[in-house]
Amino acid sequence: MDWILAFKALLLGIVEGLTEFLPVSSTGHLIVVGSLLNFTGAQAKAFDVVIQFGAILAVCWEFRRKIGELASGIVSRPNARRFILNIVVACIPAVVFGLIFDKQIKALLFTPVSVALALVIGGIVILWAEWRQSHGNKMPRVRTLDELTVTDALKVGLAQCLALIPGTSRSGSTIIGGMLFGLERRIATEFSFFLAMPLLFGATVYELYKMRTLLEAIDIGVFILGLVAAFASAFICVRWLLRYITTHDFKVFAWYRIGFGLLILITAYTGVIKWTA
């Protein structure tokens, strides 16, 4: 195995795992870090899809008990059926818009500079959402997953469509969107995790099918290394985030987004770093 390539795979796997479920955009970070490492092109895109699957497995493992309860309660528990329906409803908008605009978005917006702009704008939106929740007179309306309605799920699903723009963040759009629609911060975060499982799994299978000609036996070692790194770092990150949000808000991620985005824009404008698509 090429050790330089292995290092890149390990680093990108860690980046994917740490950023997939935080409101900072994993796709945006992979584009930026991949550009810095000169790890771009069709093969790199296939690698990104594979390591995303590692992050999905991590969140599935973390919530395995809840998943088991939902599966066993489909027949006997109305709450379980309603929650599964909410997940399906919330996934539909992203699937529809993704199938329609996927090619155009990848052709126009998968660049470090466009990612930087989305990071900055998203950071400002998070600060506004946090200010609104902390200064508003209304308490969060939805404080448990069982209180979530189909209408709430549809609203969160529509907000998730913004994540098709790289740098926006799927978790950020669903969590912050959920908070703006009346979900308590932890509930919005947990629903975002459950929404990620079928959506990212489906997207991974679909993308791998389209890229099947790029998957070669010689790359298996590198792909597995990246997948394992993504699984481990995502598992640690999910557990940490669930503890973190019990006593903290998302402002730190907003300022990180703004700072990181501005750094990319400044280096691109001054020519310090020659960013590649």
Foldseek 3Di string as FASTA:
>chain_A
DPVLLLVLLLVLLLLLLQAQQAQFFNLLVSLQSCQVSVNDDLLSVLLNLLQNVLLLVLLCVVCVVVVVVLVVCCPPDPLSVQLVLLLVLLLVVQVVVCVVCVVVLCVPQSFNLNLLVLLLVLLVLQVVLVCCQVPPPDAQPAEASSPDHSVLSNQLSVQLNVVSRGNRHNNSSQQSSSSVVRYDNLSSSVSSSVSCNVNSVVVSVVVCVVSVVSDDPVCPVSSVSSNNSSNVSNNVNVVVVSVVVVPDGSNVSSVVSNVVSVVSVVCCVVVVDDGDD
